């Protein structure tokens, strides 16, 4: 099904399933940040994700980055198992506990492919609340 936005551009309509708690949280975010619609808010979130992947996809050679990862403290072993697969890339790790949530700040240096792989694994992990990155240095 298609729809037109105010600019006359064709917009594809998709549906998604959310549990009651997630819908409640999305409605609260919409209200707090003043989004005119859930669709606009979700398009904004999707655009952020697309930009993250475009930047990572464009990387080549060796990359230095900072990752910030938050996850459930009770699930720390799942995250730790992933990080051990990339231990040769992790130059510095700062770990902090905050009300049942772990925060890891990682200084990473490795191939662009491995940086992308680590980011993807963290994004897909159900125990992880968030993962963000900043690229510090990349090979030309």
C-alpha atoms as a PDB file:
ATOM      1  CA  UNK A   1       0.000   0.000   0.000  1.00  0.00           C
ATOM      2  CA  UNK A   2       1.286   3.495  -0.829  1.00  0.00           C
ATOM      3  CA  UNK A   3       0.604   6.937   0.540  1.00  0.00           C
ATOM      4  CA  UNK A   4       1.664  10.440  -0.472  1.00  0.00           C
ATOM      5  CA  UNK A   5       3.397  12.795   1.937  1.00  0.00           C
ATOM      6  CA  UNK A   6       2.861  16.601   1.983  1.00  0.00           C
ATOM      7  CA  UNK A   7       5.536  17.022  -0.695  1.00  0.00           C
ATOM      8  CA  UNK A   8       3.685  14.626  -2.993  1.00  0.00           C
ATOM      9  CA  UNK A   9       6.332  11.941  -2.595  1.00  0.00           C
ATOM     10  CA  UNK A  10       5.227   8.323  -2.552  1.00  0.00           C
ATOM     11  CA  UNK A  11       5.574   6.689   0.850  1.00  0.00           C
ATOM     12  CA  UNK A  12       5.323   2.925   1.334  1.00  0.00           C
ATOM     13  CA  UNK A  13       3.086   1.948   4.236  1.00  0.00           C
ATOM     14  CA  UNK A  14       4.454  -0.849   6.399  1.00  0.00           C
ATOM     15  CA  UNK A  15       3.109  -2.416   9.560  1.00  0.00           C
ATOM     16  CA  UNK A  16       4.952  -3.614  12.612  1.00  0.00           C
ATOM     17  CA  UNK A  17       4.042  -5.409  15.780  1.00  0.00           C
ATOM     18  CA  UNK A  18       4.808  -3.919  19.179  1.00  0.00           C
ATOM     19  CA  UNK A  19       3.948  -5.128  22.627  1.00  0.00           C
ATOM     20  CA  UNK A  20       1.921  -2.860  24.890  1.00  0.00           C
ATOM     21  CA  UNK A  21       4.948  -1.638  26.870  1.00  0.00           C
ATOM     22  CA  UNK A  22       6.910  -0.678  23.752  1.00  0.00           C
ATOM     23  CA  UNK A  23       3.912   1.184  22.337  1.00  0.00           C
ATOM     24  CA  UNK A  24       3.525   3.041  25.634  1.00  0.00           C
ATOM     25  CA  UNK A  25       7.204   4.035  25.524  1.00  0.00           C
ATOM     26  CA  UNK A  26       6.966   5.182  21.897  1.00  0.00           C
ATOM     27  CA  UNK A  27       3.903   7.290  22.673  1.00  0.00           C
ATOM     28  CA  UNK A  28       5.763   8.894  25.584  1.00  0.00           C
ATOM     29  CA  UNK A  29       8.754   9.680  23.357  1.00  0.00           C
ATOM     30  CA  UNK A  30       6.467  11.110  20.675  1.00  0.00           C
ATOM     31  CA  UNK A  31       4.850  13.415  23.193  1.00  0.00           C
ATOM     32  CA  UNK A  32       8.073  14.409  24.957  1.00  0.00           C
ATOM     33  CA  UNK A  33       9.927  15.281  21.759  1.00  0.00           C
ATOM     34  CA  UNK A  34       6.937  16.752  19.938  1.00  0.00           C
ATOM     35  CA  UNK A  35       6.779  14.461  16.927  1.00  0.00           C
ATOM     36  CA  UNK A  36       3.568  15.127  15.012  1.00  0.00           C
ATOM     37  CA  UNK A  37       3.036  11.424  14.338  1.00  0.00           C
ATOM     38  CA  UNK A  38       4.415   8.022  15.214  1.00  0.00           C
ATOM     39  CA  UNK A  39       5.277   7.580  11.552  1.00  0.00           C
ATOM     40  CA  UNK A  40       7.462  10.697  11.550  1.00  0.00           C
ATOM     41  CA  UNK A  41       9.150   9.586  14.761  1.00  0.00           C
ATOM     42  CA  UNK A  42       9.839   6.083  13.424  1.00  0.00           C
ATOM     43  CA  UNK A  43      11.108   7.462  10.080  1.00  0.00           C
ATOM     44  CA  UNK A  44      13.528   9.602  12.099  1.00  0.00           C
ATOM     45  CA  UNK A  45      14.728   6.528  14.027  1.00  0.00           C
ATOM     46  CA  UNK A  46      15.118   4.500  10.827  1.00  0.00           C
ATOM     47  CA  UNK A  47      17.050   7.351   9.192  1.00  0.00           C
ATOM     48  CA  UNK A  48      19.471   7.372  12.141  1.00  0.00           C
ATOM     49  CA  UNK A  49      20.028   3.650  11.751  1.00  0.00           C
ATOM     50  CA  UNK A  50      20.525   3.976   7.986  1.00  0.00           C
ATOM     51  CA  UNK A  51      23.141   6.723   8.525  1.00  0.00           C
ATOM     52  CA  UNK A  52      24.980   4.548  11.075  1.00  0.00           C
ATOM     53  CA  UNK A  53      25.193   1.713   8.588  1.00  0.00           C
ATOM     54  CA  UNK A  54      26.172   3.991   5.684  1.00  0.00           C
ATOM     55  CA  UNK A  55      29.105   5.400   7.656  1.00  0.00           C
ATOM     56  CA  UNK A  56      30.231   1.943   8.742  1.00  0.00           C
ATOM     57  CA  UNK A  57      29.778   0.562   5.232  1.00  0.00           C
ATOM     58  CA  UNK A  58      32.008   3.280   3.778  1.00  0.00           C
ATOM     59  CA  UNK A  59      34.954   2.442   6.060  1.00  0.00           C
ATOM     60  CA  UNK A  60      38.028   0.794   4.585  1.00  0.00           C
ATOM     61  CA  UNK A  61      41.358  -0.325   5.985  1.00  0.00           C
ATOM     62  CA  UNK A  62      42.147   0.065   9.667  1.00  0.00           C
ATOM     63  CA  UNK A  63      39.742   2.014  11.862  1.00  0.00           C
ATOM     64  CA  UNK A  64      39.935   3.433  15.364  1.00  0.00           C
ATOM     65  CA  UNK A  65      36.611   3.961  17.092  1.00  0.00           C
ATOM     66  CA  UNK A  66      34.939   4.408  20.440  1.00  0.00           C
ATOM     67  CA  UNK A  67      31.932   2.187  21.167  1.00  0.00           C
ATOM     68  CA  UNK A  68      29.502   2.837  24.012  1.00  0.00           C
ATOM     69  CA  UNK A  69      27.376  -0.194  24.845  1.00  0.00           C
ATOM     70  CA  UNK A  70      24.624  -0.443  27.460  1.00  0.00           C
ATOM     71  CA  UNK A  71      23.046  -3.740  28.458  1.00  0.00           C
ATOM     72  CA  UNK A  72      21.290  -5.631  31.239  1.00  0.00           C
ATOM     73  CA  UNK A  73      23.695  -6.523  34.023  1.00  0.00           C
ATOM     74  CA  UNK A  74      22.062  -9.952  34.307  1.00  0.00           C
ATOM     75  CA  UNK A  75      23.005 -10.603  30.657  1.00  0.00           C
ATOM     76  CA  UNK A  76      26.647  -9.544  30.932  1.00  0.00           C
ATOM     77  CA  UNK A  77      27.922 -13.006  29.991  1.00  0.00           C
ATOM     78  CA  UNK A  78      26.216 -12.845  26.585  1.00  0.00           C
ATOM     79  CA  UNK A  79      27.843  -9.504  25.809  1.00  0.00           C
ATOM     80  CA  UNK A  80      31.189 -10.624  27.251  1.00  0.00           C
ATOM     81  CA  UNK A  81      31.176 -13.688  24.973  1.00  0.00           C
ATOM     82  CA  UNK A  82      30.852 -11.426  21.936  1.00  0.00           C
ATOM     83  CA  UNK A  83      33.519  -9.007  23.132  1.00  0.00           C
ATOM     84  CA  UNK A  84      35.966 -11.882  23.679  1.00  0.00           C
ATOM     85  CA  UNK A  85      35.678 -12.722  19.974  1.00  0.00           C
ATOM     86  CA  UNK A  86      37.023  -9.223  19.267  1.00  0.00           C
ATOM     87  CA  UNK A  87      39.505  -8.930  22.148  1.00  0.00           C
ATOM     88  CA  UNK A  88      42.436  -8.331  19.786  1.00  0.00           C
ATOM     89  CA  UNK A  89      40.689  -5.104  18.642  1.00  0.00           C
ATOM     90  CA  UNK A  90      39.815  -3.768  22.101  1.00  0.00           C
ATOM     91  CA  UNK A  91      42.620  -1.471  23.254  1.00  0.00           C
ATOM     92  CA  UNK A  92      40.878  -0.071  26.331  1.00  0.00           C
ATOM     93  CA  UNK A  93      37.675  -1.031  28.114  1.00  0.00           C
ATOM     94  CA  UNK A  94      35.912   0.967  30.809  1.00  0.00           C
ATOM     95  CA  UNK A  95      33.096  -0.893  32.560  1.00  0.00           C
ATOM     96  CA  UNK A  96      30.545   0.660  34.901  1.00  0.00           C
ATOM     97  CA  UNK A  97      27.421  -0.548  36.714  1.00  0.00           C
ATOM     98  CA  UNK A  98      24.372   1.661  37.110  1.00  0.00           C
ATOM     99  CA  UNK A  99      21.108   0.331  38.607  1.00  0.00           C
ATOM    100  CA  UNK A 100      21.207  -3.060  36.929  1.00  0.00           C
ATOM    101  CA  UNK A 101      22.641  -1.715  33.682  1.00  0.00           C
ATOM    102  CA  UNK A 102      26.207  -2.181  32.506  1.00  0.00           C
ATOM    103  CA  UNK A 103      27.949   0.480  30.468  1.00  0.00           C
ATOM    104  CA  UNK A 104      31.043  -0.421  28.447  1.00  0.00           C
ATOM    105  CA  UNK A 105      33.157   2.198  26.737  1.00  0.00           C
ATOM    106  CA  UNK A 106      35.536   0.553  24.306  1.00  0.00           C
ATOM    107  CA  UNK A 107      38.501   2.025  22.454  1.00  0.00           C
ATOM    108  CA  UNK A 108      38.745  -0.171  19.362  1.00  0.00           C
ATOM    109  CA  UNK A 109      41.340  -0.473  16.636  1.00  0.00           C
ATOM    110  CA  UNK A 110      40.862  -2.991  13.862  1.00  0.00           C
ATOM    111  CA  UNK A 111      39.842  -3.654  10.308  1.00  0.00           C
ATOM    112  CA  UNK A 112      36.758  -1.888   9.008  1.00  0.00           C
ATOM    113  CA  UNK A 113      35.157  -5.294   8.436  1.00  0.00           C
ATOM    114  CA  UNK A 114      35.659  -6.316  12.077  1.00  0.00           C
ATOM    115  CA  UNK A 115      34.353  -2.967  13.361  1.00  0.00           C
ATOM    116  CA  UNK A 116      31.211  -3.449  11.237  1.00  0.00           C
ATOM    117  CA  UNK A 117      30.856  -7.023  12.451  1.00  0.00           C
ATOM    118  CA  UNK A 118      31.132  -6.045  16.130  1.00  0.00           C
ATOM    119  CA  UNK A 119      28.601  -3.230  15.685  1.00  0.00           C
ATOM    120  CA  UNK A 120      26.148  -5.555  13.931  1.00  0.00           C
ATOM    121  CA  UNK A 121      26.473  -8.270  16.563  1.00  0.00           C
ATOM    122  CA  UNK A 122      25.817  -5.774  19.345  1.00  0.00           C
ATOM    123  CA  UNK A 123      22.843  -4.234  17.517  1.00  0.00           C
ATOM    124  CA  UNK A 124      21.256  -7.670  17.040  1.00  0.00           C
ATOM    125  CA  UNK A 125      21.869  -8.846  20.609  1.00  0.00           C
ATOM    126  CA  UNK A 126      18.624  -8.798  22.632  1.00  0.00           C
ATOM    127  CA  UNK A 127      20.537  -8.109  25.859  1.00  0.00           C
ATOM    128  CA  UNK A 128      21.952  -4.850  24.492  1.00  0.00           C
ATOM    129  CA  UNK A 129      19.911  -1.701  25.078  1.00  0.00           C
ATOM    130  CA  UNK A 130      22.067   0.538  22.907  1.00  0.00           C
ATOM    131  CA  UNK A 131      25.321   0.672  21.002  1.00  0.00           C
ATOM    132  CA  UNK A 132      26.738   3.873  19.581  1.00  0.00           C
ATOM    133  CA  UNK A 133      30.074   4.642  18.005  1.00  0.00           C
ATOM    134  CA  UNK A 134      32.357   7.495  17.089  1.00  0.00           C
ATOM    135  CA  UNK A 135      35.016   7.032  14.438  1.00  0.00           C
ATOM    136  CA  UNK A 136      38.295   8.530  15.628  1.00  0.00           C
ATOM    137  CA  UNK A 137      40.593   7.685  12.744  1.00  0.00           C
ATOM    138  CA  UNK A 138      40.183   5.829   9.504  1.00  0.00           C
ATOM    139  CA  UNK A 139      42.587   4.835   6.778  1.00  0.00           C
ATOM    140  CA  UNK A 140      42.274   6.823   3.567  1.00  0.00           C
END
